[in-house]
Amino acid sequence: MKTLSPLTFAPVFKSMLWGGRRLPDFLGAPAPHADPIGEAWMLSDVEGSLSVVESGPHAGRTLRELIAENPAAIFGEHVPADGRFPLLFKFIDARQELSVQVHPNDEQAAARKGPGHRGKTEAWVILDADPETSRLYAGFKAGVTADDFRAAMAAGTTPDTLHGFTPKPGDCVFLEAGTVHAIGADILLFEVQQTSDITYRLFDWNRVDAKTKQPRELHIDDGLACADFAAGPCNPVTPARVGEADRLVDCRYFTVDRFTSDTPLSVGAAGECRVVACLQGEGRIGDTPFRAGSVVLLPAALGPVEVRPAGQLRLLEIAIGAPC
């Protein structure tokens, strides 16, 4: 394998009926079509949406090819048993509300979809939200039971059972698999999640898909079987200070640290794979330029790398949890 450097990938844009048109401009990438774009997958090992290196000596190669060629160079000693990159990173532009939905945990995903399928624990970091129109729904209101939720779905009042709040830029929301949730309208966010594309829709705001002229499919039985009614309301996290960073999330699948700086700092670690996402500002990471919207993979073989901001910079550093 050629010498590894920080790796960036071409965004994979996803057309969604609830999406907007902000992501191509935000990422500095041409829009592939005129349809609403809800998501940009920035680093993906999901079948059918594999990330492709966009520049440098590995341009045109997929993330999966690089892993297969030398997994230790990417992951260090902690190579996942299935050889796949265990996390998916994306930006989401919600012009309208996403469906009320839930994702299974690892055991539920394997039972429903077969061995090797992962669940989906995720975290959101809010980049932009309208203080008048934006809402996030995360978890149930205290005391809501499965019977209460079924009754609300039958009556078309599902959102009344959910804990909701008005998000603001900088908020981080951590969602364990099983947390029923929905992203509201006029929100731009960054998402870290397990590599999984299993979503069970429970309510879709009574809307009709303009292309099919039909409501989108719901997955009531599977969704209710995965929903965690004991978890209760889910609010933005309270960051903990760890060295120069604010620790936003520390779970078995990933750790998320946020740095805000206008002076050089170090990211990455010896023998460990890290991912850096720039949320604001620009600069260089090693010899690689980056800007707001850049998501950079730091292979384990690189070790620590210096970040040199060009002015005020806000970025996330994500470490992969121990392989399952």
Protein backbone atom coordinates (compact mmCIF):
# COMPACT_ATOMS: atom_id res chain seq x y z
CA MET A 1 0.00 0.00 0.00
CA LYS A 2 1.20 3.50 -0.79
CA THR A 3 2.01 5.67 2.21
CA LEU A 4 -1.17 6.67 3.99
CA SER A 5 -1.94 10.31 4.65
CA PRO A 6 -5.08 11.95 6.02
CA LEU A 7 -7.91 10.72 3.76
CA THR A 8 -10.94 12.63 2.54
CA PHE A 9 -13.79 11.15 0.55
CA ALA A 10 -16.30 12.40 -2.01
CA PRO A 11 -19.70 13.00 -0.40
CA VAL A 12 -22.49 10.57 -1.28
CA PHE A 13 -25.64 12.69 -1.55
CA LYS A 14 -28.98 11.11 -0.61
CA SER A 15 -32.25 12.39 -2.03
CA MET A 16 -34.97 12.58 0.66
CA LEU A 17 -38.46 14.05 0.41
CA TRP A 18 -37.83 16.00 3.65
CA GLY A 19 -34.43 17.33 2.51
CA GLY A 20 -33.29 20.78 1.47
CA ARG A 21 -30.59 22.24 -0.82
CA ARG A 22 -27.96 23.46 1.64
CA LEU A 23 -25.55 20.54 1.63
CA PRO A 24 -23.85 20.98 -1.78
CA ASP A 25 -22.96 24.60 -1.02
CA PHE A 26 -21.95 23.79 2.56
CA LEU A 27 -19.63 21.04 1.34
CA GLY A 28 -18.40 22.87 -1.76
CA ALA A 29 -19.50 19.97 -3.96
CA PRO A 30 -21.73 20.02 -7.05
CA ALA A 31 -25.30 18.88 -6.58
CA PRO A 32 -25.95 15.65 -8.51
CA HIS A 33 -29.59 16.52 -9.26
CA ALA A 34 -32.34 19.03 -8.50
CA ASP A 35 -34.20 16.86 -5.98
CA PRO A 36 -34.16 17.70 -2.26
CA ILE A 37 -30.97 16.43 -0.64
CA GLY A 38 -31.43 15.24 2.92
CA GLU A 39 -28.08 13.63 3.68
CA ALA A 40 -24.44 13.69 2.62
CA TRP A 41 -22.58 10.54 3.64
CA MET A 42 -19.00 11.63 4.22
CA LEU A 43 -17.39 8.37 5.32
CA SER A 44 -19.32 5.19 4.67
CA ASP A 45 -18.74 1.46 4.44
CA VAL A 46 -22.43 0.74 3.83
CA GLU A 47 -23.01 -1.60 0.90
CA GLY A 48 -24.11 0.40 -2.15
CA SER A 49 -22.79 3.68 -0.72
CA LEU A 50 -19.07 3.05 -0.29
CA SER A 51 -16.88 6.11 0.22
CA VAL A 52 -14.35 6.86 -2.52
CA VAL A 53 -11.11 8.75 -1.83
CA GLU A 54 -11.36 12.10 -3.61
CA SER A 55 -7.70 13.17 -3.91
CA GLY A 56 -4.09 12.15 -3.33
CA PRO A 57 -2.29 8.90 -4.15
CA HIS A 58 -5.34 6.77 -3.31
CA ALA A 59 -7.86 8.84 -5.32
CA GLY A 60 -10.61 6.70 -6.81
CA ARG A 61 -10.20 3.82 -4.38
CA THR A 62 -12.93 2.89 -1.92
CA LEU A 63 -12.56 2.83 1.83
CA ARG A 64 -13.32 -0.89 1.71
CA GLU A 65 -10.45 -1.53 -0.72
CA LEU A 66 -7.98 0.27 1.54
CA ILE A 67 -9.16 -1.72 4.55
CA ALA A 68 -8.93 -5.03 2.69
CA GLU A 69 -5.40 -4.27 1.48
CA ASN A 70 -3.98 -3.44 4.92
CA PRO A 71 -6.48 -3.41 7.79
CA ALA A 72 -3.78 -2.83 10.42
CA ALA A 73 -2.69 0.38 8.67
CA ILE A 74 -6.24 1.72 9.01
CA PHE A 75 -7.25 0.34 12.41
CA GLY A 76 -4.03 -0.52 14.23
CA GLU A 77 -4.39 -3.48 16.57
CA HIS A 78 -8.17 -3.15 16.86
CA VAL A 79 -9.37 -4.51 13.51
CA PRO A 80 -13.13 -5.23 13.47
CA ALA A 81 -13.91 -8.92 13.08
CA ASP A 82 -15.88 -8.33 9.85
CA GLY A 83 -13.23 -6.02 8.39
CA ARG A 84 -15.73 -3.21 7.80
CA PHE A 85 -15.45 0.35 9.04
CA PRO A 86 -17.78 0.35 12.06
CA LEU A 87 -18.96 3.98 11.95
CA LEU A 88 -20.85 6.10 9.42
CA PHE A 89 -20.52 9.90 9.30
CA LYS A 90 -23.02 12.19 7.62
CA PHE A 91 -24.43 15.70 7.43
CA ILE A 92 -28.22 16.05 7.50
CA ASP A 93 -30.24 18.97 6.11
CA ALA A 94 -33.85 18.69 7.28
CA ARG A 95 -36.10 21.21 5.54
CA GLN A 96 -39.11 19.24 6.79
CA GLU A 97 -39.47 16.86 9.72
CA LEU A 98 -37.98 13.39 9.43
CA SER A 99 -40.23 10.50 10.37
CA VAL A 100 -40.63 9.45 13.99
CA GLN A 101 -38.36 6.42 13.98
CA VAL A 102 -36.28 3.98 15.98
CA HIS A 103 -33.23 1.81 15.33
CA PRO A 104 -32.45 -1.64 16.74
CA ASN A 105 -29.50 -2.55 18.93
CA ASP A 106 -26.89 -5.07 17.77
CA GLU A 107 -28.76 -8.10 19.04
CA GLN A 108 -32.09 -6.98 17.58
CA ALA A 109 -30.48 -6.15 14.21
CA ALA A 110 -28.87 -9.58 13.99
CA ALA A 111 -32.13 -11.30 14.95
CA ARG A 112 -34.17 -9.39 12.35
CA LYS A 113 -31.70 -8.96 9.49
CA GLY A 114 -29.23 -11.78 10.02
CA PRO A 115 -25.72 -12.25 11.47
CA GLY A 116 -23.30 -9.42 10.81
CA HIS A 117 -25.90 -6.64 10.86
CA ARG A 118 -25.20 -3.89 13.37
CA GLY A 119 -27.63 -1.83 15.38
CA LYS A 120 -27.58 1.94 15.34
CA THR A 121 -26.50 4.03 18.27
CA GLU A 122 -25.91 7.60 17.13
CA ALA A 123 -25.09 11.16 18.15
CA TRP A 124 -26.10 14.49 16.63
CA VAL A 125 -24.23 17.80 16.79
CA ILE A 126 -26.43 20.73 15.78
CA LEU A 127 -24.91 23.17 13.27
CA ASP A 128 -27.94 25.35 12.55
CA ALA A 129 -31.54 25.53 13.74
CA ASP A 130 -34.40 28.01 13.52
CA PRO A 131 -35.37 29.19 17.01
CA GLU A 132 -38.97 29.64 15.86
CA THR A 133 -39.65 26.48 13.85
CA SER A 134 -37.08 23.82 14.78
CA ARG A 135 -37.75 20.97 17.21
CA LEU A 136 -35.93 17.79 18.11
CA TYR A 137 -37.81 14.80 19.47
CA ALA A 138 -35.75 12.36 21.53
CA GLY A 139 -37.22 9.73 23.82
CA PHE A 140 -40.65 9.49 25.38
CA LYS A 141 -42.22 11.83 27.87
CA ALA A 142 -42.00 10.45 31.39
CA GLY A 143 -44.53 7.69 32.04
CA VAL A 144 -45.46 6.94 28.41
CA THR A 145 -46.08 3.21 27.90
CA ALA A 146 -46.25 1.02 24.80
CA ASP A 147 -50.05 1.07 25.07
CA ASP A 148 -50.05 4.87 25.28
CA PHE A 149 -47.87 5.04 22.20
CA ARG A 150 -50.03 2.62 20.20
CA ALA A 151 -53.12 4.65 21.09
CA ALA A 152 -51.40 7.88 20.00
CA MET A 153 -50.34 6.31 16.68
CA ALA A 154 -53.93 5.19 16.03
CA ALA A 155 -55.19 8.70 16.82
CA GLY A 156 -52.52 10.45 14.74
CA THR A 157 -51.10 12.19 17.83
CA THR A 158 -47.76 10.36 18.06
CA PRO A 159 -45.64 13.53 18.66
CA ASP A 160 -47.63 14.25 21.83
CA THR A 161 -45.99 11.24 23.49
CA LEU A 162 -42.43 12.32 22.65
CA HIS A 163 -40.04 14.50 24.58
CA GLY A 164 -39.29 17.54 22.42
CA PHE A 165 -37.19 20.68 22.71
CA THR A 166 -35.87 23.56 20.61
CA PRO A 167 -32.25 22.84 19.68
CA LYS A 168 -29.54 25.43 19.33
CA PRO A 169 -26.21 25.32 17.47
CA GLY A 170 -23.62 23.43 19.48
CA ASP A 171 -26.08 21.08 21.16
CA CYS A 172 -25.11 17.41 21.12
CA VAL A 173 -27.75 14.72 21.53
CA PHE A 174 -26.71 11.12 22.20
CA LEU A 175 -29.23 8.47 21.15
CA GLU A 176 -28.79 4.90 22.30
CA ALA A 177 -30.30 2.33 19.97
CA GLY A 178 -33.95 1.94 20.95
CA THR A 179 -34.53 5.68 21.51
CA VAL A 180 -37.56 6.80 19.51
CA HIS A 181 -36.70 10.11 17.86
CA ALA A 182 -37.30 12.59 15.04
CA ILE A 183 -35.34 15.51 13.59
CA GLY A 184 -37.61 18.49 13.10
CA ALA A 185 -37.72 21.08 10.35
CA ASP A 186 -35.05 23.65 9.44
CA ILE A 187 -32.13 21.85 11.12
CA LEU A 188 -28.61 21.23 9.84
CA LEU A 189 -26.59 18.71 11.84
CA PHE A 190 -23.66 16.32 11.84
CA GLU A 191 -24.28 12.69 12.75
CA VAL A 192 -21.99 9.95 14.03
CA GLN A 193 -23.53 6.49 14.02
CA GLN A 194 -22.79 2.81 13.82
CA THR A 195 -22.48 1.47 10.30
CA SER A 196 -26.11 0.50 9.86
CA ASP A 197 -28.97 1.60 7.66
CA ILE A 198 -31.81 -0.09 9.57
CA THR A 199 -34.62 2.35 10.33
CA TYR A 200 -38.14 1.53 11.51
CA ARG A 201 -40.65 4.32 10.83
CA LEU A 202 -43.43 4.70 13.37
CA PHE A 203 -45.08 7.95 12.22
CA ASP A 204 -44.54 10.16 9.16
CA TRP A 205 -46.55 13.28 9.93
CA ASN A 206 -49.46 12.04 7.77
CA ARG A 207 -47.68 13.17 4.60
CA VAL A 208 -47.68 11.74 1.10
CA ASP A 209 -44.59 11.18 -1.05
CA ALA A 210 -44.91 13.58 -4.00
CA LYS A 211 -43.32 11.04 -6.36
CA THR A 212 -45.35 7.95 -5.44
CA LYS A 213 -48.54 9.79 -4.33
CA GLN A 214 -48.59 7.35 -1.41
CA PRO A 215 -47.68 7.53 2.28
CA ARG A 216 -44.29 6.03 3.06
CA GLU A 217 -44.21 2.57 4.60
CA LEU A 218 -44.37 2.29 8.38
CA HIS A 219 -42.79 -0.51 10.44
CA ILE A 220 -44.97 -0.57 13.53
CA ASP A 221 -44.34 -4.08 14.87
CA ASP A 222 -40.58 -4.05 14.34
CA GLY A 223 -40.32 -0.50 15.65
CA LEU A 224 -42.28 -1.16 18.83
CA ALA A 225 -40.28 -4.32 19.46
CA CYS A 226 -37.08 -2.22 19.42
CA ALA A 227 -38.37 0.87 21.25
CA ASP A 228 -37.02 1.45 24.75
CA PHE A 229 -39.95 2.73 26.81
CA ALA A 230 -37.90 2.75 30.02
CA ALA A 231 -35.31 5.28 28.82
CA GLY A 232 -37.50 8.38 29.19
CA PRO A 233 -36.65 11.86 27.87
CA CYS A 234 -33.32 12.43 26.10
CA ASN A 235 -31.83 15.93 26.43
CA PRO A 236 -28.64 17.54 25.07
CA VAL A 237 -25.51 16.25 26.76
CA THR A 238 -23.50 18.25 29.29
CA PRO A 239 -19.91 18.29 27.98
CA ALA A 240 -17.06 17.22 30.25
CA ARG A 241 -13.68 18.92 29.97
CA VAL A 242 -10.93 16.47 28.99
CA GLY A 243 -7.59 18.17 28.35
CA GLU A 244 -8.10 20.76 25.61
CA ALA A 245 -11.39 19.26 24.46
CA ASP A 246 -15.03 19.09 25.47
CA ARG A 247 -16.00 15.42 25.71
CA LEU A 248 -19.47 15.14 24.19
CA VAL A 249 -19.95 11.37 23.98
CA ASP A 250 -18.16 8.37 25.46
CA CYS A 251 -19.91 5.09 24.66
CA ARG A 252 -18.85 1.57 23.69
CA TYR A 253 -18.99 2.42 19.96
CA PHE A 254 -17.33 5.83 19.78
CA THR A 255 -15.99 8.82 21.67
CA VAL A 256 -16.63 12.37 20.45
CA ASP A 257 -14.43 15.30 21.53
CA ARG A 258 -14.94 18.90 20.41
CA PHE A 259 -12.05 21.35 20.01
CA THR A 260 -12.37 25.12 19.60
CA SER A 261 -9.06 26.83 18.87
CA ASP A 262 -7.23 29.43 16.80
CA THR A 263 -3.81 27.97 17.63
CA PRO A 264 -2.22 24.67 16.53
CA LEU A 265 -3.34 21.48 18.24
CA SER A 266 -2.70 17.75 17.95
CA VAL A 267 -5.27 15.14 16.91
CA GLY A 268 -4.97 11.42 16.35
CA ALA A 269 -3.12 8.88 18.47
CA ALA A 270 -0.38 6.32 17.98
CA GLY A 271 -1.79 3.04 16.69
CA GLU A 272 -5.42 4.24 16.68
CA CYS A 273 -7.82 5.20 13.90
CA ARG A 274 -9.48 8.60 14.33
CA VAL A 275 -11.88 10.72 12.30
CA VAL A 276 -11.89 14.52 12.35
CA ALA A 277 -14.90 16.59 11.24
CA CYS A 278 -14.56 20.33 10.74
CA LEU A 279 -17.69 22.22 11.76
CA GLN A 280 -16.40 25.79 11.49
CA GLY A 281 -13.36 27.53 10.03
CA GLU A 282 -10.52 26.15 7.93
CA GLY A 283 -6.88 25.17 8.11
CA ARG A 284 -4.58 22.23 7.46
CA ILE A 285 -4.38 18.82 9.07
CA GLY A 286 -0.86 17.63 8.38
CA ASP A 287 -0.41 18.69 4.75
CA THR A 288 -4.10 18.25 3.92
CA PRO A 289 -6.24 21.41 3.63
CA PHE A 290 -9.71 21.29 5.14
CA ARG A 291 -12.69 23.55 5.71
CA ALA A 292 -16.10 23.52 7.34
CA GLY A 293 -17.77 20.33 6.13
CA SER A 294 -14.54 18.35 5.71
CA VAL A 295 -14.45 14.88 7.26
CA VAL A 296 -10.93 13.42 7.44
CA LEU A 297 -9.92 9.85 8.24
CA LEU A 298 -6.65 9.55 10.14
CA PRO A 299 -5.39 5.97 9.68
CA ALA A 300 -3.78 4.34 12.70
CA ALA A 301 -0.45 4.20 10.85
CA LEU A 302 -0.26 8.00 10.89
CA GLY A 303 -0.21 8.54 14.64
CA PRO A 304 -0.70 12.08 16.00
CA VAL A 305 -1.12 14.87 13.41
CA GLU A 306 -0.86 18.62 13.87
CA VAL A 307 -3.87 20.81 13.02
CA ARG A 308 -3.01 24.37 11.99
CA PRO A 309 -6.08 26.62 12.03
CA ALA A 310 -6.45 29.66 9.79
CA GLY A 311 -8.41 31.65 12.37
CA GLN A 312 -11.03 30.29 14.73
CA LEU A 313 -11.65 26.59 14.22
CA ARG A 314 -14.24 24.20 15.63
CA LEU A 315 -13.81 20.50 14.99
CA LEU A 316 -14.78 17.09 16.30
CA GLU A 317 -12.39 14.20 16.86
CA ILE A 318 -14.06 10.79 16.91
CA ALA A 319 -12.35 7.70 18.25
CA ILE A 320 -13.67 4.23 17.43
CA GLY A 321 -14.73 2.05 20.35
CA ALA A 322 -13.36 -1.41 21.02
CA PRO A 323 -14.38 -3.84 18.25
CA CYS A 324 -17.26 -6.19 19.00
